[in-house]
Amino acid sequence: MIRRRILFSGHVQGVGFRAAAREVAREHDITGWVTNEPGSTVCLECQGDPAVIELYLIDLRERMSGFIRGECADDAPVIEGETGFEVRD
């Protein structure tokens, strides 16, 4: 199990990005959260099997392809006992 933190940039606020991230997460066996950040970026943390996370990100990128202009990803500490995927304000 791994956890990834991804900062998406572009036109990613006000276009349903967070809702799409949650909806796509429901199609994959991952946990985590997504939130808007200052500066018109969106921060997402996702946790699960590395292959499943990669498929999740591929699906999310495809769904939001017209809005994402860049992303910066890094590893994050695994959160034991986390359940579900939520949109944070």
PDB file of N, CA and C in Angstrom:
ATOM      1  N   MET A   1       0.843  -1.178   0.000  1.00  0.00           N
ATOM      2  CA  MET A   1       0.000   0.000   0.000  1.00  0.00           C
ATOM      3  C   MET A   1       0.888   1.240   0.000  1.00  0.00           C
ATOM      4  N   ILE A   2       0.485   2.227  -0.809  1.00  0.00           N
ATOM      5  CA  ILE A   2       1.190   3.505  -0.861  1.00  0.00           C
ATOM      6  C   ILE A   2       0.176   4.643  -0.773  1.00  0.00           C
ATOM      7  N   ARG A   3       0.689   5.838  -0.556  1.00  0.00           N
ATOM      8  CA  ARG A   3      -0.135   7.046  -0.569  1.00  0.00           C
ATOM      9  C   ARG A   3       0.571   8.071  -1.440  1.00  0.00           C
ATOM     10  N   ARG A   4      -0.199   8.725  -2.303  1.00  0.00           N
ATOM     11  CA  ARG A   4       0.335   9.746  -3.198  1.00  0.00           C
ATOM     12  C   ARG A   4      -0.376  11.060  -2.937  1.00  0.00           C
ATOM     13  N   ARG A   5       0.378  12.144  -2.987  1.00  0.00           N
ATOM     14  CA  ARG A   5      -0.168  13.503  -2.876  1.00  0.00           C
ATOM     15  C   ARG A   5       0.092  14.181  -4.212  1.00  0.00           C
ATOM     16  N   ILE A   6      -0.979  14.654  -4.858  1.00  0.00           N
ATOM     17  CA  ILE A   6      -0.868  15.262  -6.184  1.00  0.00           C
ATOM     18  C   ILE A   6      -1.490  16.647  -6.143  1.00  0.00           C
ATOM     19  N   LEU A   7      -0.765  17.621  -6.655  1.00  0.00           N
ATOM     20  CA  LEU A   7      -1.262  18.984  -6.781  1.00  0.00           C
ATOM     21  C   LEU A   7      -1.549  19.224  -8.256  1.00  0.00           C
ATOM     22  N   PHE A   8      -2.824  19.419  -8.596  1.00  0.00           N
ATOM     23  CA  PHE A   8      -3.238  19.655  -9.975  1.00  0.00           C
ATOM     24  C   PHE A   8      -3.378  21.153 -10.202  1.00  0.00           C
ATOM     25  N   SER A   9      -2.895  21.609 -11.344  1.00  0.00           N
ATOM     26  CA  SER A   9      -3.032  23.020 -11.703  1.00  0.00           C
ATOM     27  C   SER A   9      -3.712  23.136 -13.058  1.00  0.00           C
ATOM     28  N   GLY A  10      -4.123  24.342 -13.371  1.00  0.00           N
ATOM     29  CA  GLY A  10      -4.859  24.613 -14.601  1.00  0.00           C
ATOM     30  C   GLY A  10      -6.176  25.267 -14.242  1.00  0.00           C
ATOM     31  N   HIS A  11      -7.202  24.932 -14.981  1.00  0.00           N
ATOM     32  CA  HIS A  11      -8.549  25.438 -14.690  1.00  0.00           C
ATOM     33  C   HIS A  11      -9.284  24.316 -13.947  1.00  0.00           C
ATOM     34  N   VAL A  12      -8.851  24.065 -12.688  1.00  0.00           N
ATOM     35  CA  VAL A  12      -9.338  22.905 -11.953  1.00  0.00           C
ATOM     36  C   VAL A  12     -10.287  23.248 -10.803  1.00  0.00           C
ATOM     37  N   GLN A  13     -10.552  24.522 -10.588  1.00  0.00           N
ATOM     38  CA  GLN A  13     -11.528  24.914  -9.569  1.00  0.00           C
ATOM     39  C   GLN A  13     -12.783  25.441 -10.254  1.00  0.00           C
ATOM     40  N   GLY A  14     -13.920  25.108  -9.685  1.00  0.00           N
ATOM     41  CA  GLY A  14     -15.187  25.589 -10.230  1.00  0.00           C
ATOM     42  C   GLY A  14     -15.670  24.828 -11.452  1.00  0.00           C
ATOM     43  N   VAL A  15     -15.078  23.660 -11.686  1.00  0.00           N
ATOM     44  CA  VAL A  15     -15.456  22.867 -12.863  1.00  0.00           C
ATOM     45  C   VAL A  15     -15.882  21.446 -12.498  1.00  0.00           C
ATOM     46  N   GLY A  16     -16.095  21.199 -11.194  1.00  0.00           N
ATOM     47  CA  GLY A  16     -16.494  19.870 -10.752  1.00  0.00           C
ATOM     48  C   GLY A  16     -15.354  18.904 -10.568  1.00  0.00           C
ATOM     49  N   PHE A  17     -14.143  19.413 -10.435  1.00  0.00           N
ATOM     50  CA  PHE A  17     -12.970  18.533 -10.311  1.00  0.00           C
ATOM     51  C   PHE A  17     -13.059  17.668  -9.059  1.00  0.00           C
ATOM     52  N   ARG A  18     -13.390  18.286  -7.917  1.00  0.00           N
ATOM     53  CA  ARG A  18     -13.432  17.519  -6.668  1.00  0.00           C
ATOM     54  C   ARG A  18     -14.525  16.453  -6.715  1.00  0.00           C
ATOM     55  N   ALA A  19     -15.677  16.807  -7.230  1.00  0.00           N
ATOM     56  CA  ALA A  19     -16.763  15.819  -7.356  1.00  0.00           C
ATOM     57  C   ALA A  19     -16.361  14.680  -8.291  1.00  0.00           C
ATOM     58  N   ALA A  20     -15.693  15.013  -9.382  1.00  0.00           N
ATOM     59  CA  ALA A  20     -15.230  13.986 -10.313  1.00  0.00           C
ATOM     60  C   ALA A  20     -14.192  13.085  -9.644  1.00  0.00           C
ATOM     61  N   ALA A  21     -13.294  13.676  -8.854  1.00  0.00           N
ATOM     62  CA  ALA A  21     -12.277  12.889  -8.159  1.00  0.00           C
ATOM     63  C   ALA A  21     -12.930  11.880  -7.214  1.00  0.00           C
ATOM     64  N   ARG A  22     -13.969  12.324  -6.505  1.00  0.00           N
ATOM     65  CA  ARG A  22     -14.682  11.426  -5.589  1.00  0.00           C
ATOM     66  C   ARG A  22     -15.433  10.347  -6.363  1.00  0.00           C
ATOM     67  N   GLU A  23     -16.092  10.727  -7.449  1.00  0.00           N
ATOM     68  CA  GLU A  23     -16.853   9.770  -8.251  1.00  0.00           C
ATOM     69  C   GLU A  23     -15.942   8.701  -8.857  1.00  0.00           C
ATOM     70  N   VAL A  24     -14.815   9.121  -9.401  1.00  0.00           N
ATOM     71  CA  VAL A  24     -13.874   8.158  -9.982  1.00  0.00           C
ATOM     72  C   VAL A  24     -13.294   7.277  -8.882  1.00  0.00           C
ATOM     73  N   ALA A  25     -13.065   7.834  -7.697  1.00  0.00           N
ATOM     74  CA  ALA A  25     -12.537   7.038  -6.580  1.00  0.00           C
ATOM     75  C   ALA A  25     -13.489   5.907  -6.218  1.00  0.00           C
ATOM     76  N   ARG A  26     -14.783   6.132  -6.356  1.00  0.00           N
ATOM     77  CA  ARG A  26     -15.772   5.097  -6.043  1.00  0.00           C
ATOM     78  C   ARG A  26     -15.659   3.904  -6.989  1.00  0.00           C
ATOM     79  N   GLU A  27     -15.056   4.116  -8.150  1.00  0.00           N
ATOM     80  CA  GLU A  27     -14.881   3.048  -9.132  1.00  0.00           C
ATOM     81  C   GLU A  27     -13.596   2.257  -8.890  1.00  0.00           C
ATOM     82  N   HIS A  28     -12.790   2.699  -7.923  1.00  0.00           N
ATOM     83  CA  HIS A  28     -11.503   2.066  -7.634  1.00  0.00           C
ATOM     84  C   HIS A  28     -11.397   1.804  -6.129  1.00  0.00           C
ATOM     85  N   ASP A  29     -10.577   0.861  -5.765  1.00  0.00           N
ATOM     86  CA  ASP A  29     -10.399   0.502  -4.362  1.00  0.00           C
ATOM     87  C   ASP A  29      -9.311   1.376  -3.739  1.00  0.00           C
ATOM     88  N   ILE A  30      -9.638   2.666  -3.522  1.00  0.00           N
ATOM     89  CA  ILE A  30      -8.696   3.595  -2.918  1.00  0.00           C
ATOM     90  C   ILE A  30      -9.404   4.411  -1.840  1.00  0.00           C
ATOM     91  N   THR A  31      -8.601   5.037  -1.001  1.00  0.00           N
ATOM     92  CA  THR A  31      -9.113   5.975  -0.006  1.00  0.00           C
ATOM     93  C   THR A  31      -8.375   7.294  -0.194  1.00  0.00           C
ATOM     94  N   GLY A  32      -8.860   8.337   0.495  1.00  0.00           N
ATOM     95  CA  GLY A  32      -8.162   9.616   0.435  1.00  0.00           C
ATOM     96  C   GLY A  32      -9.106  10.791   0.485  1.00  0.00           C
ATOM     97  N   TRP A  33      -8.643  11.899  -0.059  1.00  0.00           N
ATOM     98  CA  TRP A  33      -9.421  13.137  -0.052  1.00  0.00           C
ATOM     99  C   TRP A  33      -8.940  14.068  -1.163  1.00  0.00           C
ATOM    100  N   VAL A  34      -9.761  15.096  -1.420  1.00  0.00           N
ATOM    101  CA  VAL A  34      -9.436  16.120  -2.411  1.00  0.00           C
ATOM    102  C   VAL A  34      -9.944  17.453  -1.888  1.00  0.00           C
ATOM    103  N   THR A  35      -9.192  18.535  -2.129  1.00  0.00           N
ATOM    104  CA  THR A  35      -9.589  19.860  -1.661  1.00  0.00           C
ATOM    105  C   THR A  35      -9.039  20.944  -2.584  1.00  0.00           C
ATOM    106  N   ASN A  36      -9.742  22.075  -2.625  1.00  0.00           N
ATOM    107  CA  ASN A  36      -9.215  23.238  -3.333  1.00  0.00           C
ATOM    108  C   ASN A  36      -8.117  23.875  -2.495  1.00  0.00           C
ATOM    109  N   GLU A  37      -7.123  24.390  -3.161  1.00  0.00           N
ATOM    110  CA  GLU A  37      -6.011  25.074  -2.515  1.00  0.00           C
ATOM    111  C   GLU A  37      -5.986  26.523  -3.001  1.00  0.00           C
ATOM    112  N   PRO A  38      -5.347  27.411  -2.244  1.00  0.00           N
ATOM    113  CA  PRO A  38      -5.167  28.783  -2.751  1.00  0.00           C
ATOM    114  C   PRO A  38      -4.374  28.754  -4.060  1.00  0.00           C
ATOM    115  N   GLY A  39      -4.606  29.728  -4.886  1.00  0.00           N
ATOM    116  CA  GLY A  39      -3.856  29.804  -6.138  1.00  0.00           C
ATOM    117  C   GLY A  39      -4.432  28.970  -7.261  1.00  0.00           C
ATOM    118  N   SER A  40      -5.710  28.626  -7.170  1.00  0.00           N
ATOM    119  CA  SER A  40      -6.406  27.910  -8.252  1.00  0.00           C
ATOM    120  C   SER A  40      -5.839  26.524  -8.525  1.00  0.00           C
ATOM    121  N   THR A  41      -5.408  25.833  -7.476  1.00  0.00           N
ATOM    122  CA  THR A  41      -4.951  24.458  -7.616  1.00  0.00           C
ATOM    123  C   THR A  41      -5.854  23.554  -6.774  1.00  0.00           C
ATOM    124  N   VAL A  42      -5.747  22.257  -7.037  1.00  0.00           N
ATOM    125  CA  VAL A  42      -6.477  21.256  -6.280  1.00  0.00           C
ATOM    126  C   VAL A  42      -5.465  20.245  -5.754  1.00  0.00           C
ATOM    127  N   CYS A  43      -5.565  19.932  -4.459  1.00  0.00           N
ATOM    128  CA  CYS A  43      -4.691  18.943  -3.837  1.00  0.00           C
ATOM    129  C   CYS A  43      -5.492  17.669  -3.613  1.00  0.00           C
ATOM    130  N   LEU A  44      -4.883  16.538  -3.956  1.00  0.00           N
ATOM    131  CA  LEU A  44      -5.530  15.238  -3.823  1.00  0.00           C
ATOM    132  C   LEU A  44      -4.554  14.282  -3.159  1.00  0.00           C
ATOM    133  N   GLU A  45      -5.017  13.531  -2.186  1.00  0.00           N
ATOM    134  CA  GLU A  45      -4.240  12.427  -1.622  1.00  0.00           C
ATOM    135  C   GLU A  45      -5.027  11.156  -1.836  1.00  0.00           C
ATOM    136  N   CYS A  46      -4.351  10.127  -2.343  1.00  0.00           N
ATOM    137  CA  CYS A  46      -5.004   8.845  -2.562  1.00  0.00           C
ATOM    138  C   CYS A  46      -4.101   7.734  -2.051  1.00  0.00           C
ATOM    139  N   GLN A  47      -4.734   6.688  -1.538  1.00  0.00           N
ATOM    140  CA  GLN A  47      -4.017   5.598  -0.897  1.00  0.00           C
ATOM    141  C   GLN A  47      -4.589   4.270  -1.360  1.00  0.00           C
ATOM    142  N   GLY A  48      -3.688   3.323  -1.611  1.00  0.00           N
ATOM    143  CA  GLY A  48      -4.110   1.989  -2.018  1.00  0.00           C
ATOM    144  C   GLY A  48      -2.977   1.258  -2.699  1.00  0.00           C
ATOM    145  N   ASP A  49      -3.334   0.217  -3.406  1.00  0.00           N
ATOM    146  CA  ASP A  49      -2.361  -0.555  -4.174  1.00  0.00           C
ATOM    147  C   ASP A  49      -1.800   0.336  -5.285  1.00  0.00           C
ATOM    148  N   PRO A  50      -0.483   0.304  -5.522  1.00  0.00           N
ATOM    149  CA  PRO A  50       0.113   1.186  -6.544  1.00  0.00           C
ATOM    150  C   PRO A  50      -0.539   1.074  -7.921  1.00  0.00           C
ATOM    151  N   ALA A  51      -0.857  -0.138  -8.360  1.00  0.00           N
ATOM    152  CA  ALA A  51      -1.477  -0.313  -9.681  1.00  0.00           C
ATOM    153  C   ALA A  51      -2.875   0.292  -9.721  1.00  0.00           C
ATOM    154  N   VAL A  52      -3.619   0.180  -8.625  1.00  0.00           N
ATOM    155  CA  VAL A  52      -4.973   0.732  -8.568  1.00  0.00           C
ATOM    156  C   VAL A  52      -4.914   2.260  -8.550  1.00  0.00           C
ATOM    157  N   ILE A  53      -3.968   2.813  -7.820  1.00  0.00           N
ATOM    158  CA  ILE A  53      -3.794   4.268  -7.813  1.00  0.00           C
ATOM    159  C   ILE A  53      -3.475   4.767  -9.209  1.00  0.00           C
ATOM    160  N   GLU A  54      -2.609   4.079  -9.923  1.00  0.00           N
ATOM    161  CA  GLU A  54      -2.265   4.500 -11.276  1.00  0.00           C
ATOM    162  C   GLU A  54      -3.492   4.475 -12.190  1.00  0.00           C
ATOM    163  N   LEU A  55      -4.307   3.422 -12.091  1.00  0.00           N
ATOM    164  CA  LEU A  55      -5.538   3.356 -12.891  1.00  0.00           C
ATOM    165  C   LEU A  55      -6.499   4.473 -12.512  1.00  0.00           C
ATOM    166  N   TYR A  56      -6.620   4.752 -11.221  1.00  0.00           N
ATOM    167  CA  TYR A  56      -7.470   5.849 -10.755  1.00  0.00           C
ATOM    168  C   TYR A  56      -7.026   7.174 -11.371  1.00  0.00           C
ATOM    169  N   LEU A  57      -5.734   7.445 -11.308  1.00  0.00           N
ATOM    170  CA  LEU A  57      -5.220   8.715 -11.841  1.00  0.00           C
ATOM    171  C   LEU A  57      -5.387   8.802 -13.352  1.00  0.00           C
ATOM    172  N   ILE A  58      -5.212   7.698 -14.047  1.00  0.00           N
ATOM    173  CA  ILE A  58      -5.444   7.684 -15.501  1.00  0.00           C
ATOM    174  C   ILE A  58      -6.893   8.045 -15.797  1.00  0.00           C
ATOM    175  N   ASP A  59      -7.829   7.431 -15.072  1.00  0.00           N
ATOM    176  CA  ASP A  59      -9.253   7.711 -15.286  1.00  0.00           C
ATOM    177  C   ASP A  59      -9.599   9.161 -14.942  1.00  0.00           C
ATOM    178  N   LEU A  60      -9.050   9.672 -13.838  1.00  0.00           N
ATOM    179  CA  LEU A  60      -9.318  11.055 -13.447  1.00  0.00           C
ATOM    180  C   LEU A  60      -8.740  12.030 -14.469  1.00  0.00           C
ATOM    181  N   ARG A  61      -7.521  11.782 -14.910  1.00  0.00           N
ATOM    182  CA  ARG A  61      -6.914  12.652 -15.934  1.00  0.00           C
ATOM    183  C   ARG A  61      -7.743  12.653 -17.210  1.00  0.00           C
ATOM    184  N   GLU A  62      -8.231  11.483 -17.593  1.00  0.00           N
ATOM    185  CA  GLU A  62      -9.051  11.393 -18.808  1.00  0.00           C
ATOM    186  C   GLU A  62     -10.342  12.191 -18.648  1.00  0.00           C
ATOM    187  N   ARG A  63     -11.007  12.037 -17.507  1.00  0.00           N
ATOM    188  CA  ARG A  63     -12.267  12.722 -17.270  1.00  0.00           C
ATOM    189  C   ARG A  63     -12.085  14.237 -17.229  1.00  0.00           C
ATOM    190  N   MET A  64     -10.977  14.714 -16.677  1.00  0.00           N
ATOM    191  CA  MET A  64     -10.753  16.149 -16.485  1.00  0.00           C
ATOM    192  C   MET A  64      -9.671  16.699 -17.418  1.00  0.00           C
ATOM    193  N   SER A  65      -9.416  16.025 -18.513  1.00  0.00           N
ATOM    194  CA  SER A  65      -8.304  16.372 -19.397  1.00  0.00           C
ATOM    195  C   SER A  65      -8.354  17.795 -19.936  1.00  0.00           C
ATOM    196  N   GLY A  66      -9.514  18.331 -20.147  1.00  0.00           N
ATOM    197  CA  GLY A  66      -9.608  19.687 -20.677  1.00  0.00           C
ATOM    198  C   GLY A  66      -9.275  20.768 -19.668  1.00  0.00           C
ATOM    199  N   PHE A  67      -9.116  20.388 -18.407  1.00  0.00           N
ATOM    200  CA  PHE A  67      -8.907  21.368 -17.344  1.00  0.00           C
ATOM    201  C   PHE A  67      -7.531  21.299 -16.697  1.00  0.00           C
ATOM    202  N   ILE A  68      -6.897  20.128 -16.709  1.00  0.00           N
ATOM    203  CA  ILE A  68      -5.588  19.950 -16.070  1.00  0.00           C
ATOM    204  C   ILE A  68      -4.496  20.456 -17.000  1.00  0.00           C
ATOM    205  N   ARG A  69      -3.671  21.350 -16.483  1.00  0.00           N
ATOM    206  CA  ARG A  69      -2.524  21.851 -17.248  1.00  0.00           C
ATOM    207  C   ARG A  69      -1.209  21.322 -16.706  1.00  0.00           C
ATOM    208  N   GLY A  70      -1.204  20.907 -15.444  1.00  0.00           N
ATOM    209  CA  GLY A  70       0.007  20.375 -14.845  1.00  0.00           C
ATOM    210  C   GLY A  70      -0.303  19.663 -13.552  1.00  0.00           C
ATOM    211  N   GLU A  71       0.653  18.877 -13.110  1.00  0.00           N
ATOM    212  CA  GLU A  71       0.519  18.216 -11.824  1.00  0.00           C
ATOM    213  C   GLU A  71       1.897  17.939 -11.238  1.00  0.00           C
ATOM    214  N   CYS A  72       1.923  17.956  -9.925  1.00  0.00           N
ATOM    215  CA  CYS A  72       3.148  17.685  -9.179  1.00  0.00           C
ATOM    216  C   CYS A  72       2.800  16.622  -8.144  1.00  0.00           C
ATOM    217  N   ALA A  73       3.489  15.489  -8.165  1.00  0.00           N
ATOM    218  CA  ALA A  73       3.150  14.371  -7.287  1.00  0.00           C
ATOM    219  C   ALA A  73       4.334  13.999  -6.405  1.00  0.00           C
ATOM    220  N   ASP A  74       4.010  13.476  -5.242  1.00  0.00           N
ATOM    221  CA  ASP A  74       5.023  13.009  -4.308  1.00  0.00           C
ATOM    222  C   ASP A  74       4.399  11.926  -3.431  1.00  0.00           C
ATOM    223  N   ASP A  75       5.250  11.134  -2.797  1.00  0.00           N
ATOM    224  CA  ASP A  75       4.769  10.148  -1.842  1.00  0.00           C
ATOM    225  C   ASP A  75       4.355  10.849  -0.562  1.00  0.00           C
ATOM    226  N   ALA A  76       3.411  10.261   0.142  1.00  0.00           N
ATOM    227  CA  ALA A  76       2.942  10.773   1.427  1.00  0.00           C
ATOM    228  C   ALA A  76       2.867   9.591   2.392  1.00  0.00           C
ATOM    229  N   PRO A  77       2.873   9.865   3.689  1.00  0.00           N
ATOM    230  CA  PRO A  77       2.776   8.769   4.663  1.00  0.00           C
ATOM    231  C   PRO A  77       1.417   8.073   4.586  1.00  0.00           C
ATOM    232  N   VAL A  78       1.439   6.758   4.653  1.00  0.00           N
ATOM    233  CA  VAL A  78       0.212   5.957   4.668  1.00  0.00           C
ATOM    234  C   VAL A  78      -0.556   6.262   5.950  1.00  0.00           C
ATOM    235  N   ILE A  79      -1.869   6.396   5.846  1.00  0.00           N
ATOM    236  CA  ILE A  79      -2.740   6.634   6.990  1.00  0.00           C
ATOM    237  C   ILE A  79      -3.484   5.338   7.294  1.00  0.00           C
ATOM    238  N   GLU A  80      -3.090   4.691   8.375  1.00  0.00           N
ATOM    239  CA  GLU A  80      -3.720   3.429   8.768  1.00  0.00           C
ATOM    240  C   GLU A  80      -5.177   3.672   9.165  1.00  0.00           C
ATOM    241  N   GLY A  81      -6.039   2.773   8.759  1.00  0.00           N
ATOM    242  CA  GLY A  81      -7.435   2.823   9.156  1.00  0.00           C
ATOM    243  C   GLY A  81      -8.302   3.802   8.388  1.00  0.00           C
ATOM    244  N   GLU A  82      -7.731   4.466   7.393  1.00  0.00           N
ATOM    245  CA  GLU A  82      -8.531   5.408   6.604  1.00  0.00           C
ATOM    246  C   GLU A  82      -9.575   4.638   5.795  1.00  0.00           C
ATOM    247  N   THR A  83     -10.783   5.178   5.753  1.00  0.00           N
ATOM    248  CA  THR A  83     -11.845   4.566   4.956  1.00  0.00           C
ATOM    249  C   THR A  83     -12.471   5.631   4.074  1.00  0.00           C
ATOM    250  N   GLY A  84     -12.823   5.261   2.869  1.00  0.00           N
ATOM    251  CA  GLY A  84     -13.537   6.159   1.971  1.00  0.00           C
ATOM    252  C   GLY A  84     -12.669   7.235   1.343  1.00  0.00           C
ATOM    253  N   PHE A  85     -13.320   8.002   0.515  1.00  0.00           N
ATOM    254  CA  PHE A  85     -12.686   9.115  -0.202  1.00  0.00           C
ATOM    255  C   PHE A  85     -13.617  10.305  -0.061  1.00  0.00           C
ATOM    256  N   GLU A  86     -13.097  11.431   0.423  1.00  0.00           N
ATOM    257  CA  GLU A  86     -13.956  12.574   0.703  1.00  0.00           C
ATOM    258  C   GLU A  86     -13.506  13.853   0.010  1.00  0.00           C
ATOM    259  N   VAL A  87     -14.477  14.717  -0.198  1.00  0.00           N
ATOM    260  CA  VAL A  87     -14.206  16.074  -0.668  1.00  0.00           C
ATOM    261  C   VAL A  87     -14.093  16.942   0.572  1.00  0.00           C
ATOM    262  N   ARG A  88     -12.979  17.638   0.678  1.00  0.00           N
ATOM    263  CA  ARG A  88     -12.779  18.560   1.803  1.00  0.00           C
ATOM    264  C   ARG A  88     -12.944  19.985   1.317  1.00  0.00           C
ATOM    265  N   ASP A  89     -13.485  20.844   2.198  1.00  0.00           N
ATOM    266  CA  ASP A  89     -13.636  22.268   1.879  1.00  0.00           C
ATOM    267  C   ASP A  89     -12.389  23.029   2.257  1.00  0.00           C
TER     268      ASP A  89
END
